[in-house]
Amino acid sequence: MEATKVGIIGCGNISGIYLENLSKYDATDLFAVADLDASRAQAKADEYKVPHVLTVDEMLAHPEIEIVVDLTIPAAHFDVAKLALNAGKHVYNEKPLAIGLYEGRELVELAASKGVRLGCAPDTVLGAGIQTCRELIDSGEIGELVGFNAFMMSSGVEAWHPNPTFYYQVGGGPLFDMGPYYVSALVQLFGPVSRVSGITRTSFPTRTVSSQPLAGTVLTVDTPTHIVSTLEFVKGPIGQLTTSFDTMAGTDLKHIEVYGSKATLRVPDPNFFGGPISLKRVGSDTWEEIEITRPYAENARGLGVLDMALAIRSNRPHRANGELAYHVLDVMHSAHTSSDEGRHITLDSGVAQPALMPAAELKD
């Protein structure tokens, strides 16, 4: 099978792991990089032996490049993806798909009208950890699905991130930052969400940056930073997702628990590809550690691009697709809208539950 030529736009911090992985997969030919800072693009090309450094216009016009991977800042995802789709390229965005819900819908519709594919991170949910949990659920190991609890709790990003301003502006906050990992994982496990309610809070009106180079800068907080969302799924389970930048003393709450009629399942952190996974069966006093034998337990960012490349060649759906990313965006916006308007939000962005990943490495 001929490798699919890939171009990456955006050579910031996250690009390294994409460059590393996409340069080693047989099905992806890492052909070119582009960045507004040409010297940064050249440095990445030298480090990862990428043969071409192009401008964005040159990349979009290049006839050999089939997939454009958009690793720009979230505020630029819509504009860059729209340009690439209009150029006839398949596009894979870093998360989120876009900031605005209407922007996400436009990208999905544009890709369909152009006959090209749209994909989006996170692809951590295609890794060994979440996929093993999906397999346990699908096989009936935990019984009838009842519900879940999910938590992403922290004290914020201003103590470590070099430029945390965005996280406290509209379009930021803990739900839009980390929610894509959690909601994507839940959709992988259960299928689409049918109804959302939410209550939001902005606990602290300002934040003082302690990381370099902006230490001492006082940021105005313009978005909710503690969000409690209740999600109801088409298949029946209901549960709570709490995302917070306001848990100043930390917490021992762990990621995701799924409750069934036969067992409770502890799902690993969806920000990573591996485990651990544990199961507590009805009638047992102990947690059973679940062995992970599936591939992609390591940092495999770019796996969604690989799956897209193989799907293009074999004419099948790719898993980290634009419709799924739009559904996730809809869930997150609906939690905020529910809080603002004091009502449940019924979703109309239903999406097919992605196919389970194969038990061996992708070799379509």
Protein backbone atom coordinates (compact mmCIF):
# COMPACT_ATOMS: atom_id res chain seq x y z
CA MET A 1 0.00 0.00 0.00
CA GLU A 2 1.37 3.38 -1.04
CA ALA A 3 2.15 5.66 1.91
CA THR A 4 0.00 8.78 2.29
CA LYS A 5 1.95 12.01 2.11
CA VAL A 6 1.35 14.23 5.15
CA GLY A 7 2.10 17.90 5.76
CA ILE A 8 2.10 19.50 9.21
CA ILE A 9 1.16 23.14 9.81
CA GLY A 10 2.33 24.42 13.19
CA CYS A 11 5.67 23.47 14.72
CA GLY A 12 5.05 24.29 18.38
CA ASN A 13 5.49 22.14 21.48
CA ILE A 14 3.01 19.40 20.54
CA SER A 15 4.49 18.90 17.07
CA GLY A 16 7.47 16.86 18.24
CA ILE A 17 5.56 13.70 19.12
CA TYR A 18 3.54 13.91 15.88
CA LEU A 19 6.72 14.30 13.86
CA GLU A 20 8.36 11.39 15.66
CA ASN A 21 5.46 9.00 15.20
CA LEU A 22 4.32 9.95 11.70
CA SER A 23 7.88 9.60 10.43
CA LYS A 24 8.04 5.95 11.53
CA TYR A 25 4.65 4.59 10.43
CA ASP A 26 4.83 2.75 7.09
CA ALA A 27 1.48 4.16 5.96
CA THR A 28 2.39 7.83 6.46
CA ASP A 29 5.06 9.69 4.53
CA LEU A 30 5.93 12.83 6.49
CA PHE A 31 6.55 15.09 3.52
CA ALA A 32 6.62 18.71 4.70
CA VAL A 33 6.26 21.13 7.61
CA ALA A 34 5.14 24.76 7.71
CA ASP A 35 5.01 27.44 10.39
CA LEU A 36 4.61 31.22 10.53
CA ASP A 37 8.14 31.15 11.97
CA ALA A 38 10.14 29.65 9.10
CA SER A 39 13.20 29.10 11.30
CA ARG A 40 11.16 27.00 13.71
CA ALA A 41 9.84 24.90 10.84
CA GLN A 42 13.36 24.43 9.53
CA ALA A 43 14.60 23.35 12.96
CA LYS A 44 11.87 20.70 13.21
CA ALA A 45 12.56 19.53 9.67
CA ASP A 46 16.25 19.14 10.48
CA GLU A 47 15.56 17.33 13.75
CA TYR A 48 13.07 14.83 12.29
CA LYS A 49 14.52 14.61 8.76
CA VAL A 50 11.45 16.03 7.04
CA PRO A 51 12.40 16.64 3.39
CA HIS A 52 10.48 19.87 2.73
CA VAL A 53 9.88 23.17 4.53
CA LEU A 54 7.04 25.05 2.87
CA THR A 55 4.89 28.09 3.41
CA VAL A 56 1.25 27.39 4.25
CA ASP A 57 0.22 28.45 0.73
CA GLU A 58 2.82 26.16 -0.81
CA MET A 59 1.65 23.23 1.32
CA LEU A 60 -1.99 23.72 0.40
CA ALA A 61 -1.09 23.96 -3.30
CA HIS A 62 1.25 20.96 -3.34
CA PRO A 63 -0.33 18.17 -5.41
CA GLU A 64 1.35 15.31 -3.56
CA ILE A 65 0.24 16.20 -0.03
CA GLU A 66 -3.01 14.42 0.83
CA ILE A 67 -3.42 15.02 4.58
CA VAL A 68 -2.78 18.33 6.33
CA VAL A 69 -2.28 18.02 10.09
CA ASP A 70 -3.24 21.30 11.76
CA LEU A 71 -1.24 21.81 14.98
CA THR A 72 -1.82 25.55 15.27
CA ILE A 73 -3.30 27.22 18.36
CA PRO A 74 -7.00 26.45 18.98
CA ALA A 75 -8.12 29.90 17.87
CA ALA A 76 -6.62 29.21 14.42
CA HIS A 77 -8.00 25.68 13.95
CA PHE A 78 -11.08 26.81 12.04
CA ASP A 79 -9.29 29.18 9.66
CA VAL A 80 -6.44 26.80 8.82
CA ALA A 81 -8.71 23.78 8.43
CA LYS A 82 -11.11 25.72 6.20
CA LEU A 83 -8.26 26.78 3.91
CA ALA A 84 -6.99 23.20 3.66
CA LEU A 85 -10.43 21.70 3.02
CA ASN A 86 -11.09 24.27 0.30
CA ALA A 87 -7.76 23.25 -1.23
CA GLY A 88 -9.04 19.67 -1.46
CA LYS A 89 -6.90 18.28 1.34
CA HIS A 90 -7.96 15.83 4.03
CA VAL A 91 -7.52 17.60 7.39
CA TYR A 92 -6.70 16.37 10.88
CA ASN A 93 -6.95 19.06 13.60
CA GLU A 94 -5.47 19.07 17.05
CA LYS A 95 -8.26 19.41 19.62
CA PRO A 96 -10.67 21.06 19.75
CA LEU A 97 -12.10 20.93 16.24
CA ALA A 98 -12.88 24.67 16.53
CA ILE A 99 -13.75 27.17 19.24
CA GLY A 100 -17.25 28.08 18.06
CA LEU A 101 -19.94 25.44 17.61
CA TYR A 102 -21.05 27.01 14.31
CA GLU A 103 -17.43 26.87 13.11
CA GLY A 104 -17.21 23.16 13.87
CA ARG A 105 -20.46 22.54 11.98
CA GLU A 106 -19.15 24.50 8.99
CA LEU A 107 -15.98 22.39 8.84
CA VAL A 108 -17.96 19.14 8.92
CA GLU A 109 -20.27 20.33 6.16
CA LEU A 110 -17.40 21.72 4.07
CA ALA A 111 -15.47 18.45 4.22
CA ALA A 112 -18.57 16.55 3.09
CA SER A 113 -19.19 18.96 0.21
CA LYS A 114 -15.57 18.68 -0.95
CA GLY A 115 -15.51 14.88 -0.68
CA VAL A 116 -12.53 14.92 1.69
CA ARG A 117 -12.03 13.67 5.23
CA LEU A 118 -11.98 15.65 8.45
CA GLY A 119 -10.40 14.27 11.61
CA CYS A 120 -9.54 15.59 15.03
CA ALA A 121 -7.65 14.75 18.20
CA PRO A 122 -7.69 13.37 20.78
CA ASP A 123 -6.50 10.02 19.50
CA THR A 124 -5.46 8.94 23.00
CA VAL A 125 -8.88 7.23 23.12
CA LEU A 126 -7.71 4.90 20.34
CA GLY A 127 -4.90 3.69 22.59
CA ALA A 128 -4.63 0.47 24.55
CA GLY A 129 -6.19 1.78 27.77
CA ILE A 130 -9.55 3.15 26.57
CA GLN A 131 -9.86 0.45 23.90
CA THR A 132 -9.37 -2.32 26.47
CA CYS A 133 -12.14 -0.75 28.56
CA ARG A 134 -14.35 -0.56 25.48
CA GLU A 135 -13.72 -4.24 24.82
CA LEU A 136 -14.69 -5.12 28.42
CA ILE A 137 -17.93 -3.15 28.10
CA ASP A 138 -18.79 -4.56 24.66
CA SER A 139 -18.20 -8.13 25.85
CA GLY A 140 -20.66 -7.69 28.75
CA GLU A 141 -17.96 -8.02 31.39
CA ILE A 142 -19.46 -5.25 33.57
CA GLY A 143 -23.08 -6.08 32.72
CA GLU A 144 -25.83 -3.57 32.01
CA LEU A 145 -24.51 -0.02 31.92
CA VAL A 146 -25.81 2.15 34.75
CA GLY A 147 -23.65 5.25 34.93
CA PHE A 148 -20.27 6.87 35.44
CA ASN A 149 -18.33 9.57 37.24
CA ALA A 150 -15.49 11.44 35.56
CA PHE A 151 -13.11 14.03 37.01
CA MET A 152 -10.44 16.39 35.71
CA MET A 153 -9.47 18.44 38.76
CA SER A 154 -6.51 20.79 39.05
CA SER A 155 -5.48 24.17 40.42
CA GLY A 156 -4.99 25.65 36.94
CA VAL A 157 -2.10 26.09 34.54
CA GLU A 158 -0.52 29.41 35.53
CA ALA A 159 2.13 27.76 37.70
CA TRP A 160 3.69 25.82 34.83
CA HIS A 161 2.45 26.94 31.41
CA PRO A 162 4.67 29.55 29.70
CA ASN A 163 1.68 31.42 28.25
CA PRO A 164 -1.48 30.59 30.23
CA THR A 165 -3.54 33.61 29.15
CA PHE A 166 -5.78 31.69 26.71
CA TYR A 167 -6.89 29.23 29.36
CA TYR A 168 -8.79 31.98 31.18
CA GLN A 169 -10.38 33.58 28.12
CA VAL A 170 -13.61 32.69 26.32
CA GLY A 171 -12.98 29.39 24.52
CA GLY A 172 -10.62 28.27 27.26
CA GLY A 173 -11.32 26.94 30.73
CA PRO A 174 -10.97 23.36 31.96
CA LEU A 175 -13.85 21.93 29.94
CA PHE A 176 -12.63 23.17 26.55
CA ASP A 177 -9.01 22.40 27.45
CA MET A 178 -9.32 18.88 28.87
CA GLY A 179 -12.95 18.03 28.18
CA PRO A 180 -12.23 16.69 24.67
CA TYR A 181 -10.23 13.83 26.20
CA TYR A 182 -12.96 12.91 28.66
CA VAL A 183 -16.00 13.35 26.43
CA SER A 184 -14.27 11.55 23.54
CA ALA A 185 -13.44 8.67 25.88
CA LEU A 186 -17.03 8.46 27.13
CA VAL A 187 -18.38 8.44 23.57
CA GLN A 188 -15.90 5.69 22.69
CA LEU A 189 -17.20 3.66 25.63
CA PHE A 190 -20.94 4.36 25.43
CA GLY A 191 -21.77 5.94 22.07
CA PRO A 192 -23.38 9.36 21.57
CA VAL A 193 -24.77 11.73 24.21
CA SER A 194 -28.49 12.53 24.06
CA ARG A 195 -28.92 15.21 26.75
CA VAL A 196 -26.70 17.56 28.76
CA SER A 197 -27.12 19.79 31.79
CA GLY A 198 -24.47 21.90 33.44
CA ILE A 199 -23.71 24.34 36.22
CA THR A 200 -20.64 26.56 35.95
CA ARG A 201 -18.73 28.77 38.35
CA THR A 202 -15.86 31.22 38.17
CA SER A 203 -14.36 30.92 41.62
CA PHE A 204 -11.56 33.46 41.34
CA PRO A 205 -11.81 36.64 39.23
CA THR A 206 -8.05 36.88 38.61
CA ARG A 207 -5.04 34.58 38.41
CA THR A 208 -1.39 35.50 39.02
CA VAL A 209 1.10 33.78 36.75
CA SER A 210 4.06 32.20 38.53
CA SER A 211 5.65 30.49 35.51
CA GLN A 212 8.27 32.11 33.31
CA PRO A 213 8.44 34.28 31.30
CA LEU A 214 5.21 35.98 32.50
CA ALA A 215 5.68 35.56 36.27
CA GLY A 216 3.79 38.22 38.17
CA THR A 217 1.30 38.94 35.39
CA VAL A 218 -2.28 39.17 36.68
CA LEU A 219 -4.83 37.57 34.35
CA THR A 220 -8.52 38.43 34.31
CA VAL A 221 -10.64 35.28 34.27
CA ASP A 222 -13.31 35.61 31.57
CA THR A 223 -14.59 32.02 31.42
CA PRO A 224 -15.97 29.54 33.97
CA THR A 225 -13.29 27.51 35.71
CA HIS A 226 -15.36 24.95 37.65
CA ILE A 227 -17.94 23.10 35.55
CA VAL A 228 -20.18 20.23 36.66
CA SER A 229 -21.91 18.53 33.72
CA THR A 230 -24.48 15.75 33.71
CA LEU A 231 -24.53 13.64 30.56
CA GLU A 232 -27.21 11.21 29.45
CA PHE A 233 -26.26 8.75 26.70
CA VAL A 234 -28.49 7.26 24.02
CA LYS A 235 -27.67 3.77 25.35
CA GLY A 236 -28.94 4.75 28.80
CA PRO A 237 -26.07 5.44 31.21
CA ILE A 238 -26.03 8.79 32.98
CA GLY A 239 -23.26 10.39 34.95
CA GLN A 240 -21.30 13.43 35.98
CA LEU A 241 -18.23 15.05 34.45
CA THR A 242 -16.49 17.62 36.65
CA THR A 243 -13.73 19.74 35.14
CA SER A 244 -11.99 22.31 37.31
CA PHE A 245 -9.08 24.71 37.54
CA ASP A 246 -10.25 25.64 41.06
CA THR A 247 -9.32 22.64 43.23
CA MET A 248 -6.41 24.42 44.87
CA ALA A 249 -5.44 21.70 47.37
CA GLY A 250 -5.73 18.88 44.87
CA THR A 251 -7.84 15.71 45.07
CA ASP A 252 -7.54 11.93 45.14
CA LEU A 253 -10.44 11.45 42.71
CA LYS A 254 -9.34 9.38 39.74
CA HIS A 255 -10.34 10.07 36.14
CA ILE A 256 -13.33 7.85 35.16
CA GLU A 257 -15.35 5.11 36.87
CA VAL A 258 -18.02 3.15 34.99
CA TYR A 259 -20.79 1.38 36.89
CA GLY A 260 -22.52 -1.75 35.64
CA SER A 261 -24.78 -4.47 36.97
CA LYS A 262 -21.87 -6.93 37.24
CA ALA A 263 -18.85 -4.76 38.04
CA THR A 264 -17.36 -1.29 38.43
CA LEU A 265 -14.60 -0.37 35.99
CA ARG A 266 -11.83 2.14 36.64
CA VAL A 267 -10.87 3.70 33.33
CA PRO A 268 -7.39 5.22 32.96
CA ASP A 269 -6.60 8.88 32.37
CA PRO A 270 -7.85 9.61 28.82
CA ASN A 271 -5.02 12.10 28.32
CA PHE A 272 -2.72 9.09 27.91
CA PHE A 273 -2.74 5.95 25.78
CA GLY A 274 -2.14 3.21 28.37
CA GLY A 275 -3.38 2.06 31.80
CA PRO A 276 -3.79 1.17 34.56
CA ILE A 277 -7.24 -0.47 34.44
CA SER A 278 -8.97 -2.19 37.34
CA LEU A 279 -12.28 -3.98 37.83
CA LYS A 280 -14.28 -4.71 40.99
CA ARG A 281 -16.87 -7.44 40.51
CA VAL A 282 -20.15 -7.79 42.38
CA GLY A 283 -19.50 -9.81 45.54
CA SER A 284 -15.74 -9.13 45.58
CA ASP A 285 -13.92 -6.98 48.15
CA THR A 286 -10.89 -6.38 45.95
CA TRP A 287 -10.01 -4.60 42.74
CA GLU A 288 -8.68 -6.81 39.93
CA GLU A 289 -5.92 -5.36 37.78
CA ILE A 290 -6.68 -5.86 34.08
CA GLU A 291 -3.77 -6.81 31.85
CA ILE A 292 -3.40 -4.58 28.81
CA THR A 293 -2.37 -6.54 25.74
CA ARG A 294 -3.55 -4.19 23.02
CA PRO A 295 -1.09 -2.04 21.01
CA TYR A 296 -0.49 1.69 21.40
CA ALA A 297 0.01 1.92 25.14
CA GLU A 298 2.91 4.33 24.65
CA ASN A 299 2.62 7.97 23.56
CA ALA A 300 1.18 7.36 20.09
CA ARG A 301 -0.10 10.86 19.23
CA GLY A 302 -0.60 10.78 15.49
CA LEU A 303 -2.40 7.44 15.70
CA GLY A 304 -5.58 9.15 14.51
CA VAL A 305 -3.70 10.40 11.43
CA LEU A 306 -2.40 6.89 10.77
CA ASP A 307 -5.93 5.49 11.04
CA MET A 308 -7.15 8.18 8.64
CA ALA A 309 -4.39 7.40 6.13
CA LEU A 310 -5.21 3.70 6.17
CA ALA A 311 -8.94 4.42 5.97
CA ILE A 312 -8.42 6.54 2.86
CA ARG A 313 -6.63 3.67 1.12
CA SER A 314 -9.15 1.00 2.19
CA ASN A 315 -12.26 3.20 1.81
CA ARG A 316 -13.56 2.70 5.35
CA PRO A 317 -14.55 5.25 8.03
CA HIS A 318 -11.74 6.65 10.14
CA ARG A 319 -12.30 6.65 13.88
CA ALA A 320 -11.18 10.10 15.11
CA ASN A 321 -13.51 11.80 12.66
CA GLY A 322 -14.94 15.29 12.34
CA GLU A 323 -18.50 14.27 13.19
CA LEU A 324 -17.28 12.83 16.50
CA ALA A 325 -15.23 15.95 17.23
CA TYR A 326 -18.24 18.15 16.47
CA HIS A 327 -20.41 16.03 18.80
CA VAL A 328 -17.81 16.50 21.56
CA LEU A 329 -17.79 20.26 20.89
CA ASP A 330 -21.59 20.26 21.06
CA VAL A 331 -21.54 18.49 24.45
CA MET A 332 -19.12 21.05 25.88
CA HIS A 333 -20.98 24.08 24.55
CA SER A 334 -24.26 22.59 25.78
CA ALA A 335 -22.94 22.32 29.35
CA HIS A 336 -22.20 26.06 29.33
CA THR A 337 -25.49 26.90 27.60
CA SER A 338 -27.42 24.79 30.12
CA SER A 339 -25.88 26.72 33.00
CA ASP A 340 -26.52 30.10 31.34
CA GLU A 341 -30.14 29.31 30.45
CA GLY A 342 -31.11 27.05 33.35
CA ARG A 343 -32.36 24.11 31.27
CA HIS A 344 -31.41 20.71 29.89
CA ILE A 345 -30.05 20.72 26.35
CA THR A 346 -31.15 17.93 24.00
CA LEU A 347 -28.47 17.29 21.36
CA ASP A 348 -29.11 16.88 17.66
CA SER A 349 -25.48 16.11 16.76
CA GLY A 350 -25.76 12.34 17.13
CA VAL A 351 -22.78 10.37 15.87
CA ALA A 352 -22.01 6.72 15.22
CA GLN A 353 -19.91 5.08 17.93
CA PRO A 354 -16.47 4.51 16.36
CA ALA A 355 -15.49 0.94 15.58
CA LEU A 356 -13.36 -0.84 18.16
CA MET A 357 -9.66 -0.71 17.30
CA PRO A 358 -8.14 -4.02 16.16
CA ALA A 359 -6.31 -6.09 18.76
CA ALA A 360 -3.10 -5.81 16.71
CA GLU A 361 -1.33 -2.81 15.22
CA LEU A 362 -3.08 -1.10 12.31
CA LYS A 363 -2.08 -2.84 9.08
CA ASP A 364 -4.96 -2.19 6.65
